[in-house]
C-alpha cells in the first residue's frame, strides 16, 4: 500500500501532467527532487491506475478533461477542501429532522456527512461505500447502501442493479454532484453507470440538490445525468456571473452560495 508521501508525490506528478500534457522523466526528477528510479516506479503505478500513459523518456496525461482521479486520492486531500466544506454547510440548511435522502458517492457530497450528526431520525440511501461507512460511524442516521457492482478504485456502486434498487425508495431530498455542468443542457457524467444513478435519484426524490464546484462549469461529457429542469437547488463554491445566474433562474433553479 502506498504511503502518504508516495500518494502526495504521485498526485503532484498527475497535476504537473494535467498542466503540461507531457513531461520528461528527467524534468519530474528535477521538479520533485526524487531519484529517477522512484519516479519511474510512480509512473508505472499511475499507468496501472489508468491516469497516465508512459512514453519513451516521459509520460503523457490521458485526456486532461476526462481524467477521473482515484477516489482515495481525493479523500487524501479532504481536509484541504475548504470550498466544498462551505458548500456542505449550505446544504445542511436544507435538512430537517426525520427526512429521507439520497447522497451520492462524490467527494463533494462526502463533506455533508459530519453535518448530519446534529439531526435525528434521518434515513439516508447512498451508492458510496466510504460515504455509507462514515454515515454509520459518525451519525445516528438509518443508512442503506445500494446493491450492485463496486467500480474499481472509485468506492462507488452503480449500474443497472443499483439503478433499480434506487427506484424502490421515495425520499425528500437528493444530494448529488456531477462531472460537468452546462448552463443550457444540465449535468453530465463520464460513465453511463454514474449517470443512471443520478437519474434514478431524480425519479424518486421530491427535490434535487446539485452541488457543483466552479471547475465543472461549461464542461460537457458523454452521458446526461440531469436536465436543468430536474434540478431544484444548485449549491456553488463561488458567485456566478450574471449571465449564468439568469440562465439558471429561467429553469427555476434556486442558487445557494
Protein backbone atom coordinates (compact mmCIF):
# COMPACT_ATOMS: atom_id res chain seq x y z
CA UNK A 1 0.00 0.00 0.00
CA UNK A 2 1.29 3.43 -0.93
CA UNK A 3 2.49 5.65 1.90
CA UNK A 4 1.25 9.20 2.42
CA UNK A 5 4.48 10.52 0.89
CA UNK A 6 4.07 8.30 -2.19
CA UNK A 7 0.45 9.41 -2.63
CA UNK A 8 1.42 13.06 -2.35
CA UNK A 9 4.26 12.61 -4.86
CA UNK A 10 2.03 10.78 -7.34
CA UNK A 11 -0.64 13.44 -7.03
CA UNK A 12 1.98 16.09 -7.84
CA UNK A 13 3.01 14.09 -10.92
CA UNK A 14 -0.60 13.92 -12.10
CA UNK A 15 -1.09 17.66 -11.51
CA UNK A 16 2.09 18.52 -13.44
CA UNK A 17 0.98 16.32 -16.33
CA UNK A 18 -2.50 17.82 -16.33
CA UNK A 19 -0.88 21.22 -16.70
CA UNK A 20 1.73 20.29 -19.31
CA UNK A 21 0.20 17.26 -21.10
CA UNK A 22 3.69 15.70 -21.50
CA UNK A 23 6.71 15.75 -19.24
CA UNK A 24 10.10 14.12 -19.42
CA UNK A 25 11.11 11.79 -16.61
CA UNK A 26 14.20 13.90 -16.05
CA UNK A 27 12.05 17.02 -15.59
CA UNK A 28 9.91 15.23 -13.00
CA UNK A 29 13.05 14.09 -11.18
CA UNK A 30 14.25 17.68 -11.01
CA UNK A 31 10.87 19.14 -10.02
CA UNK A 32 10.11 16.62 -7.28
CA UNK A 33 13.67 16.05 -6.11
CA UNK A 34 13.45 12.24 -6.14
CA UNK A 35 15.58 9.63 -7.86
CA UNK A 36 14.81 8.55 -11.42
CA UNK A 37 14.09 5.02 -10.19
CA UNK A 38 11.46 6.33 -7.74
CA UNK A 39 9.77 8.49 -10.38
CA UNK A 40 9.70 5.59 -12.83
CA UNK A 41 8.02 3.37 -10.22
CA UNK A 42 5.44 6.10 -9.65
CA UNK A 43 4.79 6.37 -13.39
CA UNK A 44 4.25 2.61 -13.61
CA UNK A 45 1.72 2.74 -10.76
CA UNK A 46 -0.09 5.72 -12.26
CA UNK A 47 -0.26 3.99 -15.65
CA UNK A 48 -1.73 0.89 -13.99
CA UNK A 49 -4.39 3.15 -12.45
CA UNK A 50 -5.27 4.45 -15.90
CA UNK A 51 -4.23 8.02 -15.16
CA UNK A 52 -1.24 8.41 -17.46
CA UNK A 53 0.50 6.70 -20.36
CA UNK A 54 4.25 6.19 -20.26
CA UNK A 55 6.23 7.11 -23.35
CA UNK A 56 9.90 6.93 -24.25
CA UNK A 57 11.62 9.24 -21.81
CA UNK A 58 8.49 10.53 -20.08
CA UNK A 59 4.73 10.34 -19.70
CA UNK A 60 1.53 11.91 -21.01
CA UNK A 61 -1.76 12.55 -19.28
CA UNK A 62 -4.78 10.59 -20.51
CA UNK A 63 -7.31 13.20 -21.75
CA UNK A 64 -6.92 16.07 -19.31
CA UNK A 65 -10.64 16.91 -19.39
CA UNK A 66 -11.91 13.35 -18.90
CA UNK A 67 -9.43 12.12 -16.33
CA UNK A 68 -11.08 10.94 -13.11
CA UNK A 69 -8.75 10.96 -10.12
CA UNK A 70 -8.91 7.79 -7.97
CA UNK A 71 -11.30 8.28 -5.05
CA UNK A 72 -8.75 7.69 -2.30
CA UNK A 73 -6.51 10.35 -3.85
CA UNK A 74 -9.44 12.76 -3.49
CA UNK A 75 -10.13 11.67 0.09
CA UNK A 76 -6.47 12.23 0.99
CA UNK A 77 -6.94 15.97 0.44
CA UNK A 78 -10.40 16.02 2.07
CA UNK A 79 -9.43 18.35 4.92
CA UNK A 80 -7.98 20.90 2.50
CA UNK A 81 -11.19 21.30 0.52
CA UNK A 82 -12.49 24.41 2.29
CA UNK A 83 -14.80 25.43 -0.54
CA UNK A 84 -16.54 22.04 -0.55
CA UNK A 85 -16.85 22.22 3.23
CA UNK A 86 -18.63 25.56 2.91
CA UNK A 87 -20.95 24.05 0.29
CA UNK A 88 -21.79 21.25 2.72
CA UNK A 89 -22.72 23.79 5.42
CA UNK A 90 -25.11 25.43 2.99
CA UNK A 91 -26.56 22.04 2.00
CA UNK A 92 -27.21 21.21 5.65
CA UNK A 93 -29.58 24.19 5.92
CA UNK A 94 -32.00 22.33 3.65
CA UNK A 95 -32.19 19.35 6.01
CA UNK A 96 -34.68 18.79 8.83
CA UNK A 97 -35.16 16.03 11.38
CA UNK A 98 -36.82 12.82 10.14
CA UNK A 99 -36.04 13.49 6.49
CA UNK A 100 -35.13 10.79 4.00
CA UNK A 101 -32.46 11.46 1.39
CA UNK A 102 -30.12 10.17 -1.26
CA UNK A 103 -26.45 11.14 -1.03
CA UNK A 104 -24.28 10.20 -3.98
CA UNK A 105 -20.73 8.83 -3.79
CA UNK A 106 -18.97 12.06 -4.79
CA UNK A 107 -16.21 13.57 -2.66
CA UNK A 108 -18.22 16.81 -2.74
CA UNK A 109 -21.26 15.22 -1.08
CA UNK A 110 -18.98 13.36 1.35
CA UNK A 111 -18.38 16.67 3.14
CA UNK A 112 -22.05 16.66 4.13
CA UNK A 113 -21.66 13.60 6.38
CA UNK A 114 -20.33 15.23 9.54
CA UNK A 115 -23.03 17.90 9.38
CA UNK A 116 -25.71 15.24 9.77
CA UNK A 117 -24.88 14.23 13.33
CA UNK A 118 -26.99 17.16 14.60
CA UNK A 119 -30.19 15.72 13.14
CA UNK A 120 -32.47 12.97 14.43
CA UNK A 121 -34.47 10.37 12.55
CA UNK A 122 -32.66 10.70 9.22
CA UNK A 123 -32.84 7.94 6.64
CA UNK A 124 -30.00 8.02 4.10
CA UNK A 125 -29.54 5.93 0.95
CA UNK A 126 -26.18 6.15 -0.81
CA UNK A 127 -24.17 4.48 -3.56
CA UNK A 128 -20.90 5.43 -1.87
CA UNK A 129 -19.02 2.73 0.05
CA UNK A 130 -16.95 5.22 2.08
CA UNK A 131 -19.98 7.50 2.44
CA UNK A 132 -22.04 4.67 3.94
CA UNK A 133 -19.22 3.72 6.31
CA UNK A 134 -18.77 7.27 7.61
CA UNK A 135 -22.51 7.81 7.95
CA UNK A 136 -22.77 4.64 10.01
CA UNK A 137 -19.85 5.60 12.25
CA UNK A 138 -20.45 9.31 12.82
CA UNK A 139 -24.22 9.82 12.61
CA UNK A 140 -27.35 8.25 14.06
CA UNK A 141 -28.95 8.03 10.62
CA UNK A 142 -30.55 4.85 9.31
CA UNK A 143 -28.14 4.07 6.45
CA UNK A 144 -28.77 1.95 3.36
CA UNK A 145 -26.30 1.32 0.56
CA UNK A 146 -27.48 0.45 -2.93
CA UNK A 147 -26.79 -3.00 -4.29
CA UNK A 148 -24.76 -3.56 -7.44
CA UNK A 149 -21.19 -3.61 -8.70
CA UNK A 150 -18.43 -1.62 -6.99
CA UNK A 151 -16.47 0.36 -9.55
CA UNK A 152 -12.72 -0.37 -9.22
CA UNK A 153 -10.78 2.37 -7.40
CA UNK A 154 -13.92 4.52 -7.11
CA UNK A 155 -15.64 3.10 -3.98
CA UNK A 156 -18.95 3.66 -5.72
CA UNK A 157 -21.81 1.31 -6.58
CA UNK A 158 -23.56 1.88 -9.87
CA UNK A 159 -25.00 0.17 -12.93
CA UNK A 160 -28.42 -1.30 -13.67
CA UNK A 161 -28.81 -3.18 -10.36
CA UNK A 162 -28.12 -0.04 -8.33
CA UNK A 163 -30.44 1.94 -10.63
CA UNK A 164 -33.38 -0.39 -9.99
CA UNK A 165 -32.57 -0.62 -6.30
CA UNK A 166 -32.77 3.17 -6.02
CA UNK A 167 -36.19 3.10 -7.64
CA UNK A 168 -37.56 1.13 -4.65
CA UNK A 169 -37.20 4.22 -2.42
CA UNK A 170 -39.06 7.53 -2.14
CA UNK A 171 -37.14 10.35 -0.45
CA UNK A 172 -37.37 14.04 0.37
CA UNK A 173 -34.01 15.22 -0.97
CA UNK A 174 -31.20 14.02 -3.21
CA UNK A 175 -27.72 15.50 -2.82
CA UNK A 176 -25.60 14.88 -5.91
CA UNK A 177 -22.60 16.25 -7.75
CA UNK A 178 -21.58 15.89 -11.40
CA UNK A 179 -18.54 15.65 -13.66
CA UNK A 180 -19.58 18.56 -15.84
CA UNK A 181 -22.32 21.18 -15.97
CA UNK A 182 -23.59 23.12 -18.97
CA UNK A 183 -25.92 26.04 -18.28
CA UNK A 184 -28.19 25.04 -21.17
CA UNK A 185 -28.03 21.23 -21.10
CA UNK A 186 -27.55 20.39 -17.41
CA UNK A 187 -25.31 17.85 -15.66
CA UNK A 188 -23.26 15.13 -17.35
CA UNK A 189 -21.01 12.23 -16.37
CA UNK A 190 -18.15 10.31 -17.95
CA UNK A 191 -19.73 6.90 -17.28
CA UNK A 192 -23.20 5.65 -18.07
CA UNK A 193 -23.46 3.90 -14.70
CA UNK A 194 -22.94 7.10 -12.72
CA UNK A 195 -25.43 8.98 -14.90
CA UNK A 196 -28.04 6.26 -14.32
CA UNK A 197 -27.69 6.62 -10.56
CA UNK A 198 -28.37 10.37 -10.72
CA UNK A 199 -31.39 9.72 -12.96
CA UNK A 200 -32.82 7.20 -10.51
CA UNK A 201 -32.32 9.65 -7.63
CA UNK A 202 -34.25 12.28 -9.59
CA UNK A 203 -37.14 9.89 -10.21
CA UNK A 204 -37.58 9.10 -6.52
CA UNK A 205 -36.80 12.47 -4.86
CA UNK A 206 -39.15 15.33 -4.14
CA UNK A 207 -36.27 17.76 -4.69
CA UNK A 208 -32.76 17.50 -6.12
CA UNK A 209 -29.79 19.48 -4.81
CA UNK A 210 -26.83 19.68 -7.21
CA UNK A 211 -23.50 20.58 -5.57
CA UNK A 212 -21.13 21.98 -8.20
CA UNK A 213 -17.64 23.46 -7.91
CA UNK A 214 -16.68 26.16 -10.39
CA UNK A 215 -14.25 23.91 -12.30
CA UNK A 216 -17.21 21.80 -13.51
CA UNK A 217 -18.93 24.71 -15.26
CA UNK A 218 -19.11 24.75 -19.07
CA UNK A 219 -17.93 21.13 -19.24
CA UNK A 220 -19.91 18.51 -21.17
CA UNK A 221 -19.44 14.74 -21.13
CA UNK A 222 -20.99 11.82 -22.94
CA UNK A 223 -23.71 10.76 -20.50
CA UNK A 224 -26.54 13.08 -19.46
CA UNK A 225 -27.43 12.68 -15.79
CA UNK A 226 -29.75 15.62 -15.09
CA UNK A 227 -31.51 18.18 -17.25
CA UNK A 228 -31.67 21.70 -15.91
CA UNK A 229 -35.38 21.15 -15.31
CA UNK A 230 -34.52 18.22 -13.00
CA UNK A 231 -32.63 20.45 -10.55
CA UNK A 232 -34.35 22.34 -7.71
CA UNK A 233 -31.31 23.76 -5.90
CA UNK A 234 -27.75 24.36 -7.01
CA UNK A 235 -25.05 24.92 -4.40
CA UNK A 236 -21.89 26.54 -5.78
CA UNK A 237 -18.49 27.41 -4.33
CA UNK A 238 -18.33 30.97 -5.65
CA UNK A 239 -20.73 33.59 -7.05
CA UNK A 240 -21.97 33.02 -10.59
CA UNK A 241 -21.84 35.50 -13.44
CA UNK A 242 -25.00 37.47 -14.08
CA UNK A 243 -25.49 35.54 -17.33
CA UNK A 244 -25.12 32.15 -15.63
CA UNK A 245 -27.49 33.14 -12.85
CA UNK A 246 -30.09 34.33 -15.36
CA UNK A 247 -29.95 31.03 -17.25
CA UNK A 248 -30.48 29.01 -14.07
CA UNK A 249 -33.34 31.23 -12.94
CA UNK A 250 -35.06 30.58 -16.27
CA UNK A 251 -35.09 26.90 -15.26
CA UNK A 252 -36.40 27.86 -11.79
CA UNK A 253 -33.21 26.64 -10.11
CA UNK A 254 -32.56 28.27 -6.75
CA UNK A 255 -28.83 29.03 -6.43
CA UNK A 256 -27.24 28.91 -2.98
CA UNK A 257 -23.74 30.01 -2.04
